[in-house]
Amino acid sequence: MDVDRFESFVQAVLSTDELWRALVRFARARGVDKIGYHHMPPVGAPDDSVSRIRNAGFPAEWVEYYFAARQAGTLPITDHARRHGKPVYWDDIETLRELTADERAHLAKLRAAGFVYGLAVPAYGPNGRNGIFEVALAAGVERLDPPVLAELNWACQATHLRYCALILPDIGVPPPLSRREKEVLTWVARGKSNAAIAAILGISAHTVDAHLRRIYQKLGVFDRISAALRGIGYGLITSEA
C-alpha cells in the first residue's frame, strides 16, 4: 500500500483491527519484520488503567517483559524516543545517553533475544494520549533509507491519531462542567489556592470553594490533585484561562 492509499484508508477506516492490519502491511513492505504498539492514556483518563497493545510478530513473553521493564523504568530506548519526539534506533541508544546499570541489563537482554536492529517510534495524540511503536527490522536491514523512515514515522503517527478517534466512544462523555468550573479547575491544575483563584477570576473565595465542591462531585474525586489529573485526562483543562 502506497502513502496516498494508506492515508485515504486511515481517514475512512472504522475498525481498530483493520487499522492495525493496514499498518502492519505498510510497515512490512518497508523493511519491517515485527511491530508492536502500546497506547498510553494520560493519568486521570477514565481508561488510564487499560493496557491497549497491538502486536505483530513479537513473542508473547517479550510483550510481558516489556510491561515489567516499563514498570521498573528500564526502557531507555522507548523513554528517549518519547522525550525527544523522534524515532530512535535500538543500537544508537548508547551514544545518545548515559545508561544506568539496569538499563544496560535491559539492553543486553534485548540483544540476547535477537533484537539488535530496530527502532522505537513515538506518537502523540489529544490531551496527552500518546503511544509508542516498537519496530524490529527484517533480516539484513540495519537502517531504513531516510525517505522510508519518514513514511513509517508518518504512518505510525497517523495510525495513532485514528486509533485515538476510534476508541473515544468507549471512553465515555466527559462530565459537563460549566465554563466557570473549567476555569476554576484549570487554575487548580496550575497550583493556585482558592484565594488566588478568587483574585484572578474576580469572585469570592467562598464561590471558588462552591465551584470546587461541584467539580469534585462531577468528576467523582475528593481532592485537588485527583481533580486536576481527572480534568487533564478528560481533556477538560485548557491552556487558556
Protein backbone atom coordinates (compact mmCIF):
# COMPACT_ATOMS: atom_id res chain seq x y z
CA MET A 1 0.00 0.00 0.00
CA ASP A 2 1.46 3.37 -1.01
CA VAL A 3 1.36 6.50 1.13
CA ASP A 4 -1.66 8.07 -0.57
CA ARG A 5 -3.74 4.91 -0.33
CA PHE A 6 -2.76 4.42 3.29
CA GLU A 7 -3.76 7.98 4.14
CA SER A 8 -7.15 7.56 2.47
CA PHE A 9 -7.69 4.26 4.25
CA VAL A 10 -6.78 5.67 7.68
CA GLN A 11 -9.22 8.55 7.28
CA ALA A 12 -12.08 6.19 6.42
CA VAL A 13 -11.44 3.03 8.46
CA LEU A 14 -13.98 2.26 11.19
CA SER A 15 -12.28 -0.65 12.94
CA THR A 16 -9.12 -0.65 15.06
CA ASP A 17 -8.42 -4.19 13.88
CA GLU A 18 -8.49 -3.15 10.23
CA LEU A 19 -6.41 -0.10 11.03
CA TRP A 20 -3.74 -2.21 12.72
CA ARG A 21 -3.61 -4.76 9.90
CA ALA A 22 -3.14 -1.94 7.39
CA LEU A 23 -0.22 -0.50 9.34
CA VAL A 24 1.42 -3.93 9.61
CA ARG A 25 1.19 -4.37 5.82
CA PHE A 26 2.50 -0.85 5.26
CA ALA A 27 5.45 -1.40 7.62
CA ARG A 28 6.40 -4.85 6.33
CA ALA A 29 6.55 -3.51 2.79
CA ARG A 30 9.26 -1.14 4.06
CA GLY A 31 11.73 -3.49 5.70
CA VAL A 32 9.93 -4.18 8.98
CA ASP A 33 9.73 -7.70 10.41
CA LYS A 34 7.86 -7.17 13.68
CA ILE A 35 5.90 -4.22 15.06
CA GLY A 36 4.16 -3.53 18.34
CA TYR A 37 2.04 -0.63 19.52
CA HIS A 38 1.36 0.49 23.07
CA HIS A 39 -1.44 3.02 23.53
CA MET A 40 -0.88 5.11 26.68
CA PRO A 41 -3.77 7.19 28.07
CA PRO A 42 -2.84 10.13 30.30
CA VAL A 43 -3.02 9.73 34.06
CA GLY A 44 -6.54 10.63 35.15
CA ALA A 45 -8.23 9.49 31.96
CA PRO A 46 -11.18 7.14 32.53
CA ASP A 47 -9.22 4.37 30.81
CA ASP A 48 -5.83 5.11 32.38
CA SER A 49 -5.66 1.58 33.81
CA VAL A 50 -6.43 -0.09 30.48
CA SER A 51 -3.45 -1.58 28.64
CA ARG A 52 -4.08 -1.39 24.92
CA ILE A 53 -1.36 -3.13 22.97
CA ARG A 54 -1.14 -4.45 19.43
CA ASN A 55 1.50 -6.95 18.41
CA ALA A 56 2.58 -8.39 15.10
CA GLY A 57 5.45 -10.82 15.46
CA PHE A 58 6.95 -10.20 18.89
CA PRO A 59 6.86 -13.28 21.18
CA ALA A 60 4.23 -13.12 23.93
CA GLU A 61 6.88 -13.48 26.62
CA TRP A 62 8.65 -10.44 25.25
CA VAL A 63 5.46 -8.39 25.47
CA GLU A 64 5.14 -9.42 29.12
CA TYR A 65 8.76 -8.47 29.73
CA TYR A 66 8.17 -5.07 28.09
CA PHE A 67 5.45 -4.24 30.61
CA ALA A 68 7.60 -5.38 33.52
CA ALA A 69 10.50 -3.26 32.28
CA ARG A 70 8.19 -0.28 31.80
CA GLN A 71 7.00 -0.58 35.39
CA ALA A 72 10.63 -0.76 36.52
CA GLY A 73 11.58 2.28 34.43
CA THR A 74 14.24 0.43 32.44
CA LEU A 75 13.23 1.15 28.85
CA PRO A 76 15.95 3.60 27.75
CA ILE A 77 15.20 3.48 24.02
CA THR A 78 11.47 3.98 24.43
CA ASP A 79 11.95 6.71 27.03
CA HIS A 80 14.48 8.57 24.87
CA ALA A 81 12.21 8.43 21.82
CA ARG A 82 9.22 9.75 23.78
CA ARG A 83 11.23 12.50 25.43
CA HIS A 84 12.80 13.75 22.21
CA GLY A 85 9.83 13.20 19.91
CA LYS A 86 11.54 11.28 17.13
CA PRO A 87 12.41 7.68 16.18
CA VAL A 88 15.43 6.15 17.88
CA TYR A 89 17.32 3.16 16.54
CA TRP A 90 17.92 0.48 19.14
CA ASP A 91 21.64 0.26 18.52
CA ASP A 92 22.12 4.04 18.80
CA ILE A 93 20.95 4.44 22.37
CA GLU A 94 24.37 4.03 23.98
CA THR A 95 25.64 7.02 22.00
CA LEU A 96 22.63 9.18 22.88
CA ARG A 97 22.55 8.95 26.67
CA GLU A 98 24.28 7.58 29.73
CA LEU A 99 22.67 4.30 30.73
CA THR A 100 22.12 3.03 34.25
CA ALA A 101 23.15 -0.48 35.21
CA ASP A 102 19.52 -1.62 34.96
CA GLU A 103 19.17 -0.03 31.52
CA ARG A 104 22.34 -1.76 30.34
CA ALA A 105 20.96 -5.06 31.62
CA HIS A 106 17.76 -4.41 29.67
CA LEU A 107 19.76 -3.68 26.53
CA ALA A 108 21.76 -6.90 26.97
CA LYS A 109 18.54 -8.88 27.34
CA LEU A 110 17.16 -7.22 24.21
CA ARG A 111 20.20 -8.23 22.18
CA ALA A 112 20.35 -11.73 23.65
CA ALA A 113 16.78 -12.23 22.42
CA GLY A 114 17.95 -11.34 18.91
CA PHE A 115 16.52 -7.82 18.84
CA VAL A 116 19.53 -5.89 17.62
CA TYR A 117 18.28 -3.77 14.75
CA GLY A 118 15.07 -1.87 15.12
CA LEU A 119 13.67 1.38 16.38
CA ALA A 120 11.20 3.00 18.74
CA VAL A 121 8.75 5.42 17.13
CA PRO A 122 6.84 7.79 19.43
CA ALA A 123 3.33 9.03 18.61
CA TYR A 124 1.37 11.88 20.15
CA GLY A 125 -2.36 12.39 20.48
CA PRO A 126 -5.02 14.64 22.01
CA ASN A 127 -4.87 15.61 25.69
CA GLY A 128 -1.66 13.73 26.33
CA ARG A 129 -2.98 10.47 24.87
CA ASN A 130 0.28 9.17 23.46
CA GLY A 131 1.73 5.92 22.18
CA ILE A 132 4.91 4.12 21.22
CA PHE A 133 5.64 1.78 18.32
CA GLU A 134 8.44 -0.77 18.66
CA VAL A 135 9.77 -1.90 15.30
CA ALA A 136 12.10 -4.83 14.60
CA LEU A 137 13.74 -4.63 11.18
CA ALA A 138 13.84 -7.52 8.73
CA ALA A 139 16.92 -9.74 8.44
CA GLY A 140 19.74 -7.92 6.69
CA VAL A 141 18.23 -4.48 7.32
CA GLU A 142 20.13 -2.31 9.80
CA ARG A 143 18.79 1.11 8.79
CA LEU A 144 15.86 2.40 6.78
CA ASP A 145 16.53 4.88 3.99
CA PRO A 146 15.58 8.36 5.26
CA PRO A 147 12.51 8.66 2.96
CA VAL A 148 11.30 5.23 4.10
CA LEU A 149 11.85 6.12 7.75
CA ALA A 150 9.87 9.34 7.22
CA GLU A 151 6.99 7.34 5.69
CA LEU A 152 7.00 4.87 8.59
CA ASN A 153 7.13 7.66 11.17
CA TRP A 154 4.21 9.41 9.47
CA ALA A 155 2.21 6.17 9.19
CA CYS A 156 2.65 5.40 12.89
CA GLN A 157 1.52 8.90 13.86
CA ALA A 158 -1.49 8.75 11.53
CA THR A 159 -2.41 5.31 12.88
CA HIS A 160 -2.19 6.51 16.47
CA LEU A 161 -4.40 9.55 15.84
CA ARG A 162 -7.02 7.43 14.11
CA TYR A 163 -6.84 4.85 16.88
CA CYS A 164 -7.49 7.62 19.41
CA ALA A 165 -10.52 8.76 17.44
CA LEU A 166 -11.92 5.24 17.12
CA ILE A 167 -11.73 4.39 20.83
CA LEU A 168 -13.32 7.67 22.00
CA PRO A 169 -16.86 6.19 22.08
CA ASP A 170 -15.62 3.51 24.50
CA ILE A 171 -14.11 6.08 26.86
CA GLY A 172 -17.33 7.92 27.57
CA VAL A 173 -18.52 11.50 27.57
CA PRO A 174 -16.62 13.93 29.83
CA PRO A 175 -18.60 15.29 32.80
CA PRO A 176 -20.44 18.51 31.84
CA LEU A 177 -18.54 21.26 33.66
CA SER A 178 -19.70 24.84 33.29
CA ARG A 179 -17.38 27.46 31.81
CA ARG A 180 -16.61 28.83 35.28
CA GLU A 181 -15.98 25.35 36.68
CA LYS A 182 -13.49 24.70 33.88
CA GLU A 183 -11.73 27.97 34.69
CA VAL A 184 -11.50 27.05 38.36
CA LEU A 185 -10.24 23.56 37.54
CA THR A 186 -7.63 24.97 35.18
CA TRP A 187 -6.22 27.22 37.90
CA VAL A 188 -6.33 24.36 40.42
CA ALA A 189 -4.21 22.31 37.99
CA ARG A 190 -1.74 25.21 37.90
CA GLY A 191 -1.33 25.01 41.65
CA LYS A 192 -3.29 28.11 42.64
CA SER A 193 -5.02 28.34 46.02
CA ASN A 194 -8.70 29.17 46.35
CA ALA A 195 -7.82 32.71 47.43
CA ALA A 196 -5.53 33.17 44.42
CA ILE A 197 -8.17 31.79 42.04
CA ALA A 198 -10.75 34.15 43.53
CA ALA A 199 -8.47 37.11 42.88
CA ILE A 200 -7.74 36.00 39.33
CA LEU A 201 -11.40 35.43 38.42
CA GLY A 202 -12.80 38.36 40.39
CA ILE A 203 -15.05 36.24 42.58
CA SER A 204 -15.08 35.38 46.28
CA ALA A 205 -13.07 32.52 47.78
CA HIS A 206 -16.41 31.13 49.05
CA THR A 207 -17.67 30.96 45.46
CA VAL A 208 -14.46 29.22 44.36
CA ASP A 209 -14.97 26.67 47.13
CA ALA A 210 -18.56 26.06 45.99
CA HIS A 211 -17.40 25.56 42.40
CA LEU A 212 -14.71 23.16 43.57
CA ARG A 213 -17.20 21.06 45.55
CA ARG A 214 -19.36 20.71 42.44
CA ILE A 215 -16.27 19.81 40.37
CA TYR A 216 -15.36 17.07 42.86
CA GLN A 217 -18.87 15.67 42.66
CA LYS A 218 -18.99 15.68 38.87
CA LEU A 219 -15.54 14.13 38.47
CA GLY A 220 -16.00 11.60 41.27
CA VAL A 221 -12.93 12.72 43.23
CA PHE A 222 -12.21 14.07 46.71
CA ASP A 223 -9.11 16.23 46.45
CA ARG A 224 -7.46 18.88 44.28
CA ILE A 225 -4.73 16.68 42.81
CA SER A 226 -7.19 13.99 41.71
CA ALA A 227 -9.46 16.65 40.25
CA ALA A 228 -6.59 18.15 38.25
CA LEU A 229 -5.47 14.75 36.95
CA ARG A 230 -9.02 13.74 36.03
CA GLY A 231 -9.54 17.08 34.30
CA ILE A 232 -6.40 16.62 32.22
CA GLY A 233 -7.31 13.03 31.43
CA TYR A 234 -10.77 14.04 30.24
CA GLY A 235 -9.40 16.97 28.23
CA LEU A 236 -11.37 19.46 30.33
CA ILE A 237 -8.41 21.66 31.21
CA THR A 238 -7.47 24.14 28.52
CA SER A 239 -4.38 26.27 28.02
CA GLU A 240 -6.50 29.43 28.17
CA ALA A 241 -7.66 30.96 31.42
